[in-house]
PDB file of N, CA and C in Angstrom:
ATOM      1  N   MET A   1       0.956  -1.488  -0.293  1.00  0.00           N
ATOM      2  CA  MET A   1       0.031  -0.137   0.118  1.00  0.00           C
ATOM      3  C   MET A   1       0.764   1.195  -0.157  1.00  0.00           C
ATOM      4  N   LEU A   2       0.771   2.143  -0.721  1.00  0.00           N
ATOM      5  CA  LEU A   2       1.144   3.568  -1.328  1.00  0.00           C
ATOM      6  C   LEU A   2       0.533   4.500   0.115  1.00  0.00           C
ATOM      7  N   PRO A   3       1.526   5.134   1.276  1.00  0.00           N
ATOM      8  CA  PRO A   3       1.032   6.424   1.874  1.00  0.00           C
ATOM      9  C   PRO A   3       0.069   7.265   1.083  1.00  0.00           C
ATOM     10  N   LEU A   4      -0.441   8.073   1.556  1.00  0.00           N
ATOM     11  CA  LEU A   4      -0.923   9.000   0.541  1.00  0.00           C
ATOM     12  C   LEU A   4       0.032  10.246   0.921  1.00  0.00           C
ATOM     13  N   ALA A   5       0.045  11.479   0.093  1.00  0.00           N
ATOM     14  CA  ALA A   5       1.005  12.329  -0.346  1.00  0.00           C
ATOM     15  C   ALA A   5       0.738  13.321   0.943  1.00  0.00           C
ATOM     16  N   ALA A   6       1.826  14.210   1.006  1.00  0.00           N
ATOM     17  CA  ALA A   6       1.642  15.137   1.998  1.00  0.00           C
ATOM     18  C   ALA A   6       0.276  15.953   1.344  1.00  0.00           C
ATOM     19  N   GLY A   7      -0.320  16.988   1.483  1.00  0.00           N
ATOM     20  CA  GLY A   7      -1.593  17.564   1.488  1.00  0.00           C
ATOM     21  C   GLY A   7      -2.963  17.256   2.396  1.00  0.00           C
ATOM     22  N   PRO A   8      -3.814  18.017   1.817  1.00  0.00           N
ATOM     23  CA  PRO A   8      -5.571  17.470   2.204  1.00  0.00           C
ATOM     24  C   PRO A   8      -5.744  17.061   1.620  1.00  0.00           C
ATOM     25  N   PHE A   9      -5.295  15.655   1.982  1.00  0.00           N
ATOM     26  CA  PHE A   9      -6.083  13.939   1.035  1.00  0.00           C
ATOM     27  C   PHE A   9      -6.165  13.129   2.432  1.00  0.00           C
ATOM     28  N   ALA A  10      -7.923  12.630   2.318  1.00  0.00           N
ATOM     29  CA  ALA A  10      -7.834  11.886   3.364  1.00  0.00           C
ATOM     30  C   ALA A  10      -8.867  10.826   2.783  1.00  0.00           C
ATOM     31  N   GLY A  11      -8.764   9.843   3.026  1.00  0.00           N
ATOM     32  CA  GLY A  11      -9.569   8.617   2.636  1.00  0.00           C
ATOM     33  C   GLY A  11     -10.692   8.551   3.459  1.00  0.00           C
ATOM     34  N   THR A  12     -11.947   8.263   2.194  1.00  0.00           N
ATOM     35  CA  THR A  12     -13.081   8.020   3.221  1.00  0.00           C
ATOM     36  C   THR A  12     -13.556   6.490   3.347  1.00  0.00           C
ATOM     37  N   HIS A  13     -13.198   5.370   2.049  1.00  0.00           N
ATOM     38  CA  HIS A  13     -13.816   4.489   2.006  1.00  0.00           C
ATOM     39  C   HIS A  13     -12.534   3.939   1.138  1.00  0.00           C
ATOM     40  N   ARG A  14     -12.550   2.824   1.007  1.00  0.00           N
ATOM     41  CA  ARG A  14     -11.534   2.048   0.032  1.00  0.00           C
ATOM     42  C   ARG A  14     -11.151   2.429  -1.147  1.00  0.00           C
ATOM     43  N   SER A  15     -12.122   2.681  -1.874  1.00  0.00           N
ATOM     44  CA  SER A  15     -12.082   3.417  -3.243  1.00  0.00           C
ATOM     45  C   SER A  15     -12.529   5.021  -3.316  1.00  0.00           C
ATOM     46  N   PHE A  16     -11.953   5.494  -2.086  1.00  0.00           N
ATOM     47  CA  PHE A  16     -12.251   7.101  -2.312  1.00  0.00           C
ATOM     48  C   PHE A  16     -11.282   7.592  -1.314  1.00  0.00           C
ATOM     49  N   ILE A  17     -10.527   8.813  -1.802  1.00  0.00           N
ATOM     50  CA  ILE A  17      -9.747  10.038  -1.285  1.00  0.00           C
ATOM     51  C   ILE A  17     -10.583  11.513  -1.801  1.00  0.00           C
ATOM     52  N   VAL A  18     -10.582  12.117  -0.838  1.00  0.00           N
ATOM     53  CA  VAL A  18     -11.278  13.734  -0.989  1.00  0.00           C
ATOM     54  C   VAL A  18     -10.267  14.836  -0.448  1.00  0.00           C
ATOM     55  N   ASN A  19     -10.028  15.619  -1.230  1.00  0.00           N
ATOM     56  CA  ASN A  19      -9.373  16.483  -0.767  1.00  0.00           C
ATOM     57  C   ASN A  19     -10.249  17.301   0.213  1.00  0.00           C
ATOM     58  N   VAL A  20      -9.411  17.153   1.648  1.00  0.00           N
ATOM     59  CA  VAL A  20     -11.006  18.038   2.862  1.00  0.00           C
ATOM     60  C   VAL A  20     -11.031  19.638   2.326  1.00  0.00           C
ATOM     61  N   ASP A  21     -10.324  20.095   2.093  1.00  0.00           N
ATOM     62  CA  ASP A  21     -10.691  21.544   1.423  1.00  0.00           C
ATOM     63  C   ASP A  21     -11.698  21.303   0.520  1.00  0.00           C
ATOM     64  N   LYS A  22     -12.269  20.713   0.334  1.00  0.00           N
ATOM     65  CA  LYS A  22     -13.874  21.070  -0.989  1.00  0.00           C
ATOM     66  C   LYS A  22     -15.170  20.429  -0.539  1.00  0.00           C
ATOM     67  N   ILE A  23     -14.440  19.874   0.963  1.00  0.00           N
ATOM     68  CA  ILE A  23     -15.421  19.013   1.484  1.00  0.00           C
ATOM     69  C   ILE A  23     -16.980  20.859   1.844  1.00  0.00           C
ATOM     70  N   GLU A  24     -17.906  20.408   1.491  1.00  0.00           N
ATOM     71  CA  GLU A  24     -19.348  21.236   2.103  1.00  0.00           C
ATOM     72  C   GLU A  24     -19.951  21.176   2.783  1.00  0.00           C
ATOM     73  N   GLU A  25     -20.556  19.590   3.554  1.00  0.00           N
ATOM     74  CA  GLU A  25     -21.306  19.128   4.447  1.00  0.00           C
ATOM     75  C   GLU A  25     -20.791  17.322   4.314  1.00  0.00           C
ATOM     76  N   MET A  26     -21.050  16.765   5.722  1.00  0.00           N
ATOM     77  CA  MET A  26     -21.003  15.477   6.041  1.00  0.00           C
ATOM     78  C   MET A  26     -22.830  15.407   6.755  1.00  0.00           C
ATOM     79  N   ARG A  27     -23.714  14.287   6.411  1.00  0.00           N
ATOM     80  CA  ARG A  27     -24.887  14.168   7.124  1.00  0.00           C
ATOM     81  C   ARG A  27     -25.130  12.394   6.796  1.00  0.00           C
ATOM     82  N   ILE A  28     -25.719  12.118   7.402  1.00  0.00           N
ATOM     83  CA  ILE A  28     -26.597  10.690   6.944  1.00  0.00           C
ATOM     84  C   ILE A  28     -27.506  10.712   6.110  1.00  0.00           C
ATOM     85  N   VAL A  29     -27.415  10.114   5.209  1.00  0.00           N
ATOM     86  CA  VAL A  29     -28.398   9.596   4.052  1.00  0.00           C
ATOM     87  C   VAL A  29     -29.068   7.901   4.304  1.00  0.00           C
ATOM     88  N   ASP A  30     -30.155   7.677   4.861  1.00  0.00           N
ATOM     89  CA  ASP A  30     -30.257   6.520   4.582  1.00  0.00           C
ATOM     90  C   ASP A  30     -29.695   5.354   5.558  1.00  0.00           C
ATOM     91  N   GLY A  31     -29.432   6.095   6.563  1.00  0.00           N
ATOM     92  CA  GLY A  31     -28.576   5.625   7.445  1.00  0.00           C
ATOM     93  C   GLY A  31     -27.166   4.902   7.260  1.00  0.00           C
ATOM     94  N   ARG A  32     -26.498   6.120   6.156  1.00  0.00           N
ATOM     95  CA  ARG A  32     -25.038   5.873   5.768  1.00  0.00           C
ATOM     96  C   ARG A  32     -25.002   7.088   5.754  1.00  0.00           C
ATOM     97  N   GLN A  33     -23.248   7.331   6.111  1.00  0.00           N
ATOM     98  CA  GLN A  33     -22.495   8.418   6.188  1.00  0.00           C
ATOM     99  C   GLN A  33     -22.084   8.784   5.076  1.00  0.00           C
ATOM    100  N   ARG A  34     -22.249  10.118   4.937  1.00  0.00           N
ATOM    101  CA  ARG A  34     -22.019  10.223   3.080  1.00  0.00           C
ATOM    102  C   ARG A  34     -21.149  11.773   3.097  1.00  0.00           C
ATOM    103  N   ILE A  35     -20.155  12.022   2.148  1.00  0.00           N
ATOM    104  CA  ILE A  35     -19.406  13.274   2.723  1.00  0.00           C
ATOM    105  C   ILE A  35     -20.280  14.348   1.406  1.00  0.00           C
ATOM    106  N   PHE A  36     -20.643  15.355   0.938  1.00  0.00           N
ATOM    107  CA  PHE A  36     -20.866  16.377   0.248  1.00  0.00           C
ATOM    108  C   PHE A  36     -19.641  17.254  -0.584  1.00  0.00           C
ATOM    109  N   LEU A  37     -19.172  17.033  -1.855  1.00  0.00           N
ATOM    110  CA  LEU A  37     -18.257  17.890  -1.823  1.00  0.00           C
ATOM    111  C   LEU A  37     -19.224  19.417  -2.606  1.00  0.00           C
ATOM    112  N   ARG A  38     -17.778  20.396  -2.621  1.00  0.00           N
ATOM    113  CA  ARG A  38     -18.412  21.860  -3.382  1.00  0.00           C
ATOM    114  C   ARG A  38     -18.734  21.396  -4.416  1.00  0.00           C
ATOM    115  N   SER A  39     -18.412  20.719  -5.344  1.00  0.00           N
ATOM    116  CA  SER A  39     -18.510  20.245  -6.608  1.00  0.00           C
ATOM    117  C   SER A  39     -19.950  19.587  -7.026  1.00  0.00           C
ATOM    118  N   GLY A  40     -20.343  19.132  -5.759  1.00  0.00           N
ATOM    119  CA  GLY A  40     -21.984  18.883  -5.770  1.00  0.00           C
ATOM    120  C   GLY A  40     -21.648  16.867  -6.077  1.00  0.00           C
ATOM    121  N   ALA A  41     -20.564  16.516  -6.548  1.00  0.00           N
ATOM    122  CA  ALA A  41     -20.293  15.554  -5.598  1.00  0.00           C
ATOM    123  C   ALA A  41     -20.653  14.361  -3.961  1.00  0.00           C
ATOM    124  N   ASP A  42     -20.888  13.248  -4.336  1.00  0.00           N
ATOM    125  CA  ASP A  42     -20.810  12.872  -2.854  1.00  0.00           C
ATOM    126  C   ASP A  42     -20.079  11.455  -3.040  1.00  0.00           C
ATOM    127  N   VAL A  43     -19.762  11.504  -1.855  1.00  0.00           N
ATOM    128  CA  VAL A  43     -19.154   9.913  -1.222  1.00  0.00           C
ATOM    129  C   VAL A  43     -19.082   9.900  -0.075  1.00  0.00           C
ATOM    130  N   PRO A  44     -18.869   7.681   0.365  1.00  0.00           N
ATOM    131  CA  PRO A  44     -19.684   7.338   1.623  1.00  0.00           C
ATOM    132  C   PRO A  44     -18.299   7.433   2.027  1.00  0.00           C
ATOM    133  N   LEU A  45     -18.193   7.382   3.940  1.00  0.00           N
ATOM    134  CA  LEU A  45     -17.996   7.783   5.118  1.00  0.00           C
ATOM    135  C   LEU A  45     -17.863   5.996   4.973  1.00  0.00           C
ATOM    136  N   SER A  46     -17.275   5.323   5.375  1.00  0.00           N
ATOM    137  CA  SER A  46     -16.852   3.346   5.650  1.00  0.00           C
ATOM    138  C   SER A  46     -16.471   3.802   7.209  1.00  0.00           C
ATOM    139  N   ARG A  47     -16.986   2.561   7.519  1.00  0.00           N
ATOM    140  CA  ARG A  47     -17.178   3.075   9.280  1.00  0.00           C
ATOM    141  C   ARG A  47     -15.436   3.119   9.210  1.00  0.00           C
ATOM    142  N   GLY A  48     -14.744   1.830   8.452  1.00  0.00           N
ATOM    143  CA  GLY A  48     -13.521   1.056   8.780  1.00  0.00           C
ATOM    144  C   GLY A  48     -12.822   2.866   8.389  1.00  0.00           C
ATOM    145  N   TYR A  49     -12.663   3.682   7.684  1.00  0.00           N
ATOM    146  CA  TYR A  49     -12.400   4.520   7.781  1.00  0.00           C
ATOM    147  C   TYR A  49     -12.425   6.404   8.912  1.00  0.00           C
ATOM    148  N   ARG A  50     -13.482   5.736   9.517  1.00  0.00           N
ATOM    149  CA  ARG A  50     -13.885   6.980  10.449  1.00  0.00           C
ATOM    150  C   ARG A  50     -13.411   7.951  11.290  1.00  0.00           C
ATOM    151  N   ASP A  51     -12.592   6.649  11.770  1.00  0.00           N
ATOM    152  CA  ASP A  51     -11.841   7.451  12.870  1.00  0.00           C
ATOM    153  C   ASP A  51     -10.661   7.861  12.393  1.00  0.00           C
ATOM    154  N   GLN A  52      -9.884   7.122  11.264  1.00  0.00           N
ATOM    155  CA  GLN A  52      -9.520   8.285  10.706  1.00  0.00           C
ATOM    156  C   GLN A  52      -9.155   9.507   9.684  1.00  0.00           C
ATOM    157  N   PHE A  53     -10.487   9.650   9.612  1.00  0.00           N
ATOM    158  CA  PHE A  53     -11.208  10.570   8.533  1.00  0.00           C
ATOM    159  C   PHE A  53     -11.326  11.347   9.928  1.00  0.00           C
ATOM    160  N   THR A  54     -11.795  11.805  10.645  1.00  0.00           N
ATOM    161  CA  THR A  54     -11.721  12.772  11.935  1.00  0.00           C
ATOM    162  C   THR A  54     -10.160  13.213  12.469  1.00  0.00           C
ATOM    163  N   ALA A  55      -9.705  12.183  12.915  1.00  0.00           N
ATOM    164  CA  ALA A  55      -8.345  12.818  12.878  1.00  0.00           C
ATOM    165  C   ALA A  55      -7.763  13.580  11.549  1.00  0.00           C
ATOM    166  N   ALA A  56      -7.680  12.878  10.652  1.00  0.00           N
ATOM    167  CA  ALA A  56      -7.100  13.753   9.740  1.00  0.00           C
ATOM    168  C   ALA A  56      -8.065  15.006   9.337  1.00  0.00           C
ATOM    169  N   MET A  57      -9.376  15.368   9.851  1.00  0.00           N
ATOM    170  CA  MET A  57     -10.451  16.380   9.714  1.00  0.00           C
ATOM    171  C   MET A  57      -9.550  17.174  10.660  1.00  0.00           C
ATOM    172  N   SER A  58      -9.409  17.109  11.245  1.00  0.00           N
ATOM    173  CA  SER A  58      -8.939  17.624  12.839  1.00  0.00           C
ATOM    174  C   SER A  58      -7.571  18.366  12.950  1.00  0.00           C
ATOM    175  N   GLY A  59      -6.334  17.458  11.465  1.00  0.00           N
ATOM    176  CA  GLY A  59      -5.290  18.032  11.489  1.00  0.00           C
ATOM    177  C   GLY A  59      -4.496  17.016  12.087  1.00  0.00           C
ATOM    178  N   GLN A  60      -4.764  16.243  12.964  1.00  0.00           N
ATOM    179  CA  GLN A  60      -4.005  15.340  13.713  1.00  0.00           C
ATOM    180  C   GLN A  60      -3.020  13.667  13.057  1.00  0.00           C
ATOM    181  N   THR A  61      -3.466  14.280  11.540  1.00  0.00           N
ATOM    182  CA  THR A  61      -2.384  13.129  11.012  1.00  0.00           C
ATOM    183  C   THR A  61      -2.247  13.901   9.424  1.00  0.00           C
ATOM    184  N   GLN A  62      -1.939  13.772   8.616  1.00  0.00           N
ATOM    185  CA  GLN A  62      -2.414  13.470   7.232  1.00  0.00           C
ATOM    186  C   GLN A  62      -2.845  12.806   6.458  1.00  0.00           C
ATOM    187  N   GLY A  63      -3.243  11.482   6.626  1.00  0.00           N
ATOM    188  CA  GLY A  63      -4.924  11.129   6.360  1.00  0.00           C
ATOM    189  C   GLY A  63      -4.581   9.602   6.383  1.00  0.00           C
ATOM    190  N   PRO A  64      -5.560   8.890   6.016  1.00  0.00           N
ATOM    191  CA  PRO A  64      -5.162   7.231   5.964  1.00  0.00           C
ATOM    192  C   PRO A  64      -4.300   6.836   5.010  1.00  0.00           C
ATOM    193  N   GLU A  65      -3.935   5.979   5.255  1.00  0.00           N
ATOM    194  CA  GLU A  65      -3.066   4.615   3.289  1.00  0.00           C
ATOM    195  C   GLU A  65      -4.236   4.695   3.024  1.00  0.00           C
ATOM    196  N   ILE A  66      -4.212   4.644   2.031  1.00  0.00           N
ATOM    197  CA  ILE A  66      -4.848   4.396   0.702  1.00  0.00           C
ATOM    198  C   ILE A  66      -4.982   3.007   1.146  1.00  0.00           C
ATOM    199  N   GLY A  67      -6.393   2.037   0.721  1.00  0.00           N
ATOM    200  CA  GLY A  67      -6.398   0.297   1.121  1.00  0.00           C
ATOM    201  C   GLY A  67      -6.271  -0.144   2.745  1.00  0.00           C
ATOM    202  N   SER A  68      -5.837   1.188   3.511  1.00  0.00           N
ATOM    203  CA  SER A  68      -6.412   0.640   5.346  1.00  0.00           C
ATOM    204  C   SER A  68      -7.779   0.654   5.833  1.00  0.00           C
ATOM    205  N   SER A  69      -8.248  -0.080   6.583  1.00  0.00           N
ATOM    206  CA  SER A  69      -9.408   0.410   7.059  1.00  0.00           C
ATOM    207  C   SER A  69      -9.574  -0.372   8.144  1.00  0.00           C
TER     208      SER A  69
END
């Protein structure tokens, strides 16, 4: 697995990474956590990535590794 490059990126799911500077909002839709981007796109936030994503958002880490869960 390759680590994410330094920058404002964080993994949200095994198939998704996001630029945290582009996040518009986060909310629960149909019982699942979703991240909505300024572009209008939305991506899932899986349970396996939730703690790492929260830490990345608070600036505690550069983000999870791609493929980690």
